[in-house]
């Protein structure tokens, strides 16, 4: 039932493959990214250089990078404090209220944002509930924490089903030098 209205607006291999001008063309003020398996692997405590580069590149385009994660604050806070971007931990993505309250606190409307995540089952559900645009990526690593491993099989099933139904969205424009 939760998955019935879920869909992605766009797809790509990784957030790092997306041409930053694509975000400008969408007219967004913020890129809202999931942490684990979207910005970095699930077991990374410090932002990688490419995360800092993405943050800086977006800032030059007057677009803010924000992190929204279902993970606990003890995981998210140390990572994001090094990155120095706004964040919401323990987001309870299945329930739209906490995410919408956070966006309001950040003076953002849903239409000001594009959401980037690696799972239809979490990222897809909450973005559909709030009527947001989702860019669905592949997980950065095959290695997941235990709760995510349990959902990953379900996610693979839905990705294949949605691919057949044309519900995975359009491919994102890639950075120069990426792609086929």
C-alpha atoms as a PDB file:
ATOM      1  CA  UNK A   1       0.000   0.000   0.000  1.00  0.00           C
ATOM      2  CA  UNK A   2       2.787   2.460   0.891  1.00  0.00           C
ATOM      3  CA  UNK A   3       4.536   1.794  -2.405  1.00  0.00           C
ATOM      4  CA  UNK A   4       1.481   2.317  -4.624  1.00  0.00           C
ATOM      5  CA  UNK A   5       2.091   6.050  -5.262  1.00  0.00           C
ATOM      6  CA  UNK A   6       5.858   5.981  -4.815  1.00  0.00           C
ATOM      7  CA  UNK A   7       7.999   6.948  -7.783  1.00  0.00           C
ATOM      8  CA  UNK A   8      11.278   8.577  -8.663  1.00  0.00           C
ATOM      9  CA  UNK A   9      11.466  11.708 -10.806  1.00  0.00           C
ATOM     10  CA  UNK A  10      15.038  11.017 -11.926  1.00  0.00           C
ATOM     11  CA  UNK A  11      17.683   8.303 -11.648  1.00  0.00           C
ATOM     12  CA  UNK A  12      21.451   8.146 -11.766  1.00  0.00           C
ATOM     13  CA  UNK A  13      24.279   5.952 -10.543  1.00  0.00           C
ATOM     14  CA  UNK A  14      25.520   8.411  -7.926  1.00  0.00           C
ATOM     15  CA  UNK A  15      24.892  11.953  -6.706  1.00  0.00           C
ATOM     16  CA  UNK A  16      28.480  12.659  -7.761  1.00  0.00           C
ATOM     17  CA  UNK A  17      27.691  11.865 -11.409  1.00  0.00           C
ATOM     18  CA  UNK A  18      24.995  14.552 -11.726  1.00  0.00           C
ATOM     19  CA  UNK A  19      25.846  17.711 -13.653  1.00  0.00           C
ATOM     20  CA  UNK A  20      25.503  20.488 -11.022  1.00  0.00           C
ATOM     21  CA  UNK A  21      23.828  22.701 -13.628  1.00  0.00           C
ATOM     22  CA  UNK A  22      20.962  20.212 -13.560  1.00  0.00           C
ATOM     23  CA  UNK A  23      20.119  21.375 -10.034  1.00  0.00           C
ATOM     24  CA  UNK A  24      20.136  24.969 -11.304  1.00  0.00           C
ATOM     25  CA  UNK A  25      17.807  23.989 -14.169  1.00  0.00           C
ATOM     26  CA  UNK A  26      15.384  22.530 -11.608  1.00  0.00           C
ATOM     27  CA  UNK A  27      15.308  25.904  -9.844  1.00  0.00           C
ATOM     28  CA  UNK A  28      16.089  24.435  -6.435  1.00  0.00           C
ATOM     29  CA  UNK A  29      17.472  26.201  -3.391  1.00  0.00           C
ATOM     30  CA  UNK A  30      18.489  22.958  -1.664  1.00  0.00           C
ATOM     31  CA  UNK A  31      19.650  19.449  -2.469  1.00  0.00           C
ATOM     32  CA  UNK A  32      18.373  17.222   0.342  1.00  0.00           C
ATOM     33  CA  UNK A  33      20.553  14.115   0.437  1.00  0.00           C
ATOM     34  CA  UNK A  34      20.371  10.910   2.405  1.00  0.00           C
ATOM     35  CA  UNK A  35      23.614  10.154   4.256  1.00  0.00           C
ATOM     36  CA  UNK A  36      24.262   6.415   4.228  1.00  0.00           C
ATOM     37  CA  UNK A  37      24.889   4.981   0.759  1.00  0.00           C
ATOM     38  CA  UNK A  38      24.001   8.266  -0.969  1.00  0.00           C
ATOM     39  CA  UNK A  39      26.587  10.797   0.249  1.00  0.00           C
ATOM     40  CA  UNK A  40      28.964   8.252   1.781  1.00  0.00           C
ATOM     41  CA  UNK A  41      29.086   4.594   2.708  1.00  0.00           C
ATOM     42  CA  UNK A  42      27.271   3.461   5.835  1.00  0.00           C
ATOM     43  CA  UNK A  43      30.432   3.018   7.879  1.00  0.00           C
ATOM     44  CA  UNK A  44      32.194   6.305   7.072  1.00  0.00           C
ATOM     45  CA  UNK A  45      32.602   8.662  10.035  1.00  0.00           C
ATOM     46  CA  UNK A  46      34.214  11.550   8.180  1.00  0.00           C
ATOM     47  CA  UNK A  47      32.946  13.148   4.964  1.00  0.00           C
ATOM     48  CA  UNK A  48      35.019  12.145   1.972  1.00  0.00           C
ATOM     49  CA  UNK A  49      36.701  14.840  -0.138  1.00  0.00           C
ATOM     50  CA  UNK A  50      34.046  14.439  -2.825  1.00  0.00           C
ATOM     51  CA  UNK A  51      31.304  15.324  -0.292  1.00  0.00           C
ATOM     52  CA  UNK A  52      33.109  18.563   0.588  1.00  0.00           C
ATOM     53  CA  UNK A  53      33.607  19.249  -3.137  1.00  0.00           C
ATOM     54  CA  UNK A  54      29.901  18.712  -3.823  1.00  0.00           C
ATOM     55  CA  UNK A  55      28.911  20.983  -0.939  1.00  0.00           C
ATOM     56  CA  UNK A  56      31.241  23.723  -2.191  1.00  0.00           C
ATOM     57  CA  UNK A  57      30.178  23.348  -5.812  1.00  0.00           C
ATOM     58  CA  UNK A  58      26.510  23.636  -4.854  1.00  0.00           C
ATOM     59  CA  UNK A  59      27.245  26.667  -2.647  1.00  0.00           C
ATOM     60  CA  UNK A  60      28.870  28.416  -5.621  1.00  0.00           C
ATOM     61  CA  UNK A  61      25.570  27.909  -7.441  1.00  0.00           C
ATOM     62  CA  UNK A  62      23.644  29.301  -4.429  1.00  0.00           C
ATOM     63  CA  UNK A  63      22.237  25.863  -3.630  1.00  0.00           C
ATOM     64  CA  UNK A  64      22.445  24.461  -0.129  1.00  0.00           C
ATOM     65  CA  UNK A  65      23.346  20.842   0.655  1.00  0.00           C
ATOM     66  CA  UNK A  66      21.228  19.426   3.487  1.00  0.00           C
ATOM     67  CA  UNK A  67      21.316  15.937   4.992  1.00  0.00           C
ATOM     68  CA  UNK A  68      18.208  14.038   6.054  1.00  0.00           C
ATOM     69  CA  UNK A  69      18.791  10.602   7.549  1.00  0.00           C
ATOM     70  CA  UNK A  70      16.762   7.957   9.329  1.00  0.00           C
ATOM     71  CA  UNK A  71      19.882   7.127  11.311  1.00  0.00           C
ATOM     72  CA  UNK A  72      20.339   8.165  14.935  1.00  0.00           C
ATOM     73  CA  UNK A  73      21.947  11.471  15.895  1.00  0.00           C
ATOM     74  CA  UNK A  74      25.049   9.730  17.304  1.00  0.00           C
ATOM     75  CA  UNK A  75      25.780   8.537  13.733  1.00  0.00           C
ATOM     76  CA  UNK A  76      24.697  11.618  11.786  1.00  0.00           C
ATOM     77  CA  UNK A  77      25.775  14.534  13.986  1.00  0.00           C
ATOM     78  CA  UNK A  78      29.559  13.924  14.099  1.00  0.00           C
ATOM     79  CA  UNK A  79      29.645  13.414  10.331  1.00  0.00           C
ATOM     80  CA  UNK A  80      27.541  16.462   9.458  1.00  0.00           C
ATOM     81  CA  UNK A  81      29.226  18.779  11.953  1.00  0.00           C
ATOM     82  CA  UNK A  82      32.481  18.247  10.026  1.00  0.00           C
ATOM     83  CA  UNK A  83      30.617  19.025   6.818  1.00  0.00           C
ATOM     84  CA  UNK A  84      28.930  22.091   8.359  1.00  0.00           C
ATOM     85  CA  UNK A  85      25.536  21.720   6.702  1.00  0.00           C
ATOM     86  CA  UNK A  86      22.028  21.606   8.173  1.00  0.00           C
ATOM     87  CA  UNK A  87      20.723  18.140   8.936  1.00  0.00           C
ATOM     88  CA  UNK A  88      17.855  16.119  10.309  1.00  0.00           C
ATOM     89  CA  UNK A  89      18.663  12.828  12.006  1.00  0.00           C
ATOM     90  CA  UNK A  90      16.191  10.134  13.028  1.00  0.00           C
ATOM     91  CA  UNK A  91      13.939  11.631  10.356  1.00  0.00           C
ATOM     92  CA  UNK A  92      11.252   8.930  10.539  1.00  0.00           C
ATOM     93  CA  UNK A  93      10.907   9.164   6.771  1.00  0.00           C
ATOM     94  CA  UNK A  94       7.780   7.008   6.684  1.00  0.00           C
ATOM     95  CA  UNK A  95       5.984   9.886   8.423  1.00  0.00           C
ATOM     96  CA  UNK A  96       6.098  13.183   6.574  1.00  0.00           C
ATOM     97  CA  UNK A  97       5.556  15.471   9.582  1.00  0.00           C
ATOM     98  CA  UNK A  98       9.121  15.611  10.902  1.00  0.00           C
ATOM     99  CA  UNK A  99      10.581  16.298   7.449  1.00  0.00           C
ATOM    100  CA  UNK A 100       8.036  19.034   6.689  1.00  0.00           C
ATOM    101  CA  UNK A 101       8.625  20.680  10.083  1.00  0.00           C
ATOM    102  CA  UNK A 102      12.392  20.627   9.424  1.00  0.00           C
ATOM    103  CA  UNK A 103      11.961  22.201   5.962  1.00  0.00           C
ATOM    104  CA  UNK A 104       9.799  24.938   7.467  1.00  0.00           C
ATOM    105  CA  UNK A 105      12.477  25.616  10.119  1.00  0.00           C
ATOM    106  CA  UNK A 106      15.012  25.952   7.268  1.00  0.00           C
ATOM    107  CA  UNK A 107      12.637  28.349   5.428  1.00  0.00           C
ATOM    108  CA  UNK A 108      12.245  25.929   2.533  1.00  0.00           C
ATOM    109  CA  UNK A 109       9.203  24.715   0.671  1.00  0.00           C
ATOM    110  CA  UNK A 110       9.116  21.233  -0.840  1.00  0.00           C
ATOM    111  CA  UNK A 111       9.176  22.735  -4.329  1.00  0.00           C
ATOM    112  CA  UNK A 112      12.440  24.558  -3.431  1.00  0.00           C
ATOM    113  CA  UNK A 113      14.160  21.192  -3.008  1.00  0.00           C
ATOM    114  CA  UNK A 114      15.216  18.076  -4.816  1.00  0.00           C
ATOM    115  CA  UNK A 115      15.676  14.955  -2.709  1.00  0.00           C
ATOM    116  CA  UNK A 116      18.432  12.427  -3.395  1.00  0.00           C
ATOM    117  CA  UNK A 117      18.457   8.922  -1.948  1.00  0.00           C
ATOM    118  CA  UNK A 118      19.377   5.325  -2.637  1.00  0.00           C
ATOM    119  CA  UNK A 119      16.198   3.515  -1.557  1.00  0.00           C
ATOM    120  CA  UNK A 120      12.704   3.534  -2.974  1.00  0.00           C
ATOM    121  CA  UNK A 121      11.405   2.033   0.235  1.00  0.00           C
ATOM    122  CA  UNK A 122      12.453   4.960   2.444  1.00  0.00           C
ATOM    123  CA  UNK A 123      13.443   7.909   0.262  1.00  0.00           C
ATOM    124  CA  UNK A 124      10.764   7.154  -2.323  1.00  0.00           C
ATOM    125  CA  UNK A 125       7.974   6.853   0.207  1.00  0.00           C
ATOM    126  CA  UNK A 126       8.658  10.097   2.053  1.00  0.00           C
ATOM    127  CA  UNK A 127       9.250  12.167  -1.077  1.00  0.00           C
ATOM    128  CA  UNK A 128       6.002  10.852  -2.569  1.00  0.00           C
ATOM    129  CA  UNK A 129       4.116  11.668   0.631  1.00  0.00           C
ATOM    130  CA  UNK A 130       5.355  15.260   0.615  1.00  0.00           C
ATOM    131  CA  UNK A 131       5.025  15.551  -3.201  1.00  0.00           C
ATOM    132  CA  UNK A 132       8.760  16.100  -3.653  1.00  0.00           C
ATOM    133  CA  UNK A 133      11.075  15.298  -6.538  1.00  0.00           C
ATOM    134  CA  UNK A 134      13.333  12.290  -5.931  1.00  0.00           C
ATOM    135  CA  UNK A 135      16.586  11.502  -7.649  1.00  0.00           C
ATOM    136  CA  UNK A 136      17.100   7.785  -7.028  1.00  0.00           C
ATOM    137  CA  UNK A 137      20.722   6.663  -6.931  1.00  0.00           C
ATOM    138  CA  UNK A 138      22.352   3.278  -6.596  1.00  0.00           C
ATOM    139  CA  UNK A 139      23.922   2.477  -3.194  1.00  0.00           C
ATOM    140  CA  UNK A 140      27.571   3.570  -3.038  1.00  0.00           C
ATOM    141  CA  UNK A 141      28.670   0.243  -1.554  1.00  0.00           C
ATOM    142  CA  UNK A 142      27.280  -3.301  -1.346  1.00  0.00           C
ATOM    143  CA  UNK A 143      28.107  -3.265   2.371  1.00  0.00           C
ATOM    144  CA  UNK A 144      25.108  -2.166   4.481  1.00  0.00           C
ATOM    145  CA  UNK A 145      24.236  -2.021   8.152  1.00  0.00           C
ATOM    146  CA  UNK A 146      21.866  -4.764   9.349  1.00  0.00           C
ATOM    147  CA  UNK A 147      18.532  -2.879   9.284  1.00  0.00           C
ATOM    148  CA  UNK A 148      19.239  -1.619   5.757  1.00  0.00           C
ATOM    149  CA  UNK A 149      20.244  -5.094   4.553  1.00  0.00           C
ATOM    150  CA  UNK A 150      16.806  -6.327   5.541  1.00  0.00           C
ATOM    151  CA  UNK A 151      15.121  -3.672   3.365  1.00  0.00           C
ATOM    152  CA  UNK A 152      17.554  -3.820   0.432  1.00  0.00           C
ATOM    153  CA  UNK A 153      16.032  -7.013  -1.041  1.00  0.00           C
ATOM    154  CA  UNK A 154      12.595  -5.410  -1.020  1.00  0.00           C
ATOM    155  CA  UNK A 155      14.091  -2.303  -2.615  1.00  0.00           C
ATOM    156  CA  UNK A 156      15.639  -4.385  -5.429  1.00  0.00           C
ATOM    157  CA  UNK A 157      12.261  -6.010  -6.081  1.00  0.00           C
ATOM    158  CA  UNK A 158      10.503  -2.650  -6.328  1.00  0.00           C
ATOM    159  CA  UNK A 159      13.235  -1.122  -8.510  1.00  0.00           C
ATOM    160  CA  UNK A 160      12.808  -3.909 -11.055  1.00  0.00           C
ATOM    161  CA  UNK A 161       9.016  -3.635 -10.934  1.00  0.00           C
ATOM    162  CA  UNK A 162       9.151   0.155 -11.287  1.00  0.00           C
ATOM    163  CA  UNK A 163      11.669  -0.078 -14.122  1.00  0.00           C
ATOM    164  CA  UNK A 164       9.177  -2.244 -16.052  1.00  0.00           C
ATOM    165  CA  UNK A 165       6.351   0.205 -15.243  1.00  0.00           C
ATOM    166  CA  UNK A 166       8.359   3.305 -16.194  1.00  0.00           C
ATOM    167  CA  UNK A 167       8.193   4.714 -12.637  1.00  0.00           C
ATOM    168  CA  UNK A 168      11.932   5.255 -12.098  1.00  0.00           C
ATOM    169  CA  UNK A 169      12.030   8.634 -13.789  1.00  0.00           C
ATOM    170  CA  UNK A 170      14.325  10.162 -16.338  1.00  0.00           C
ATOM    171  CA  UNK A 171      18.108   9.813 -16.291  1.00  0.00           C
ATOM    172  CA  UNK A 172      19.887  12.825 -14.801  1.00  0.00           C
ATOM    173  CA  UNK A 173      22.243  14.813 -16.991  1.00  0.00           C
ATOM    174  CA  UNK A 174      25.770  13.650 -16.178  1.00  0.00           C
ATOM    175  CA  UNK A 175      28.922  15.630 -15.504  1.00  0.00           C
ATOM    176  CA  UNK A 176      31.219  15.994 -18.458  1.00  0.00           C
ATOM    177  CA  UNK A 177      33.410  12.898 -18.674  1.00  0.00           C
ATOM    178  CA  UNK A 178      30.814  10.631 -17.003  1.00  0.00           C
ATOM    179  CA  UNK A 179      28.529   8.109 -18.611  1.00  0.00           C
ATOM    180  CA  UNK A 180      28.784   6.081 -21.776  1.00  0.00           C
END
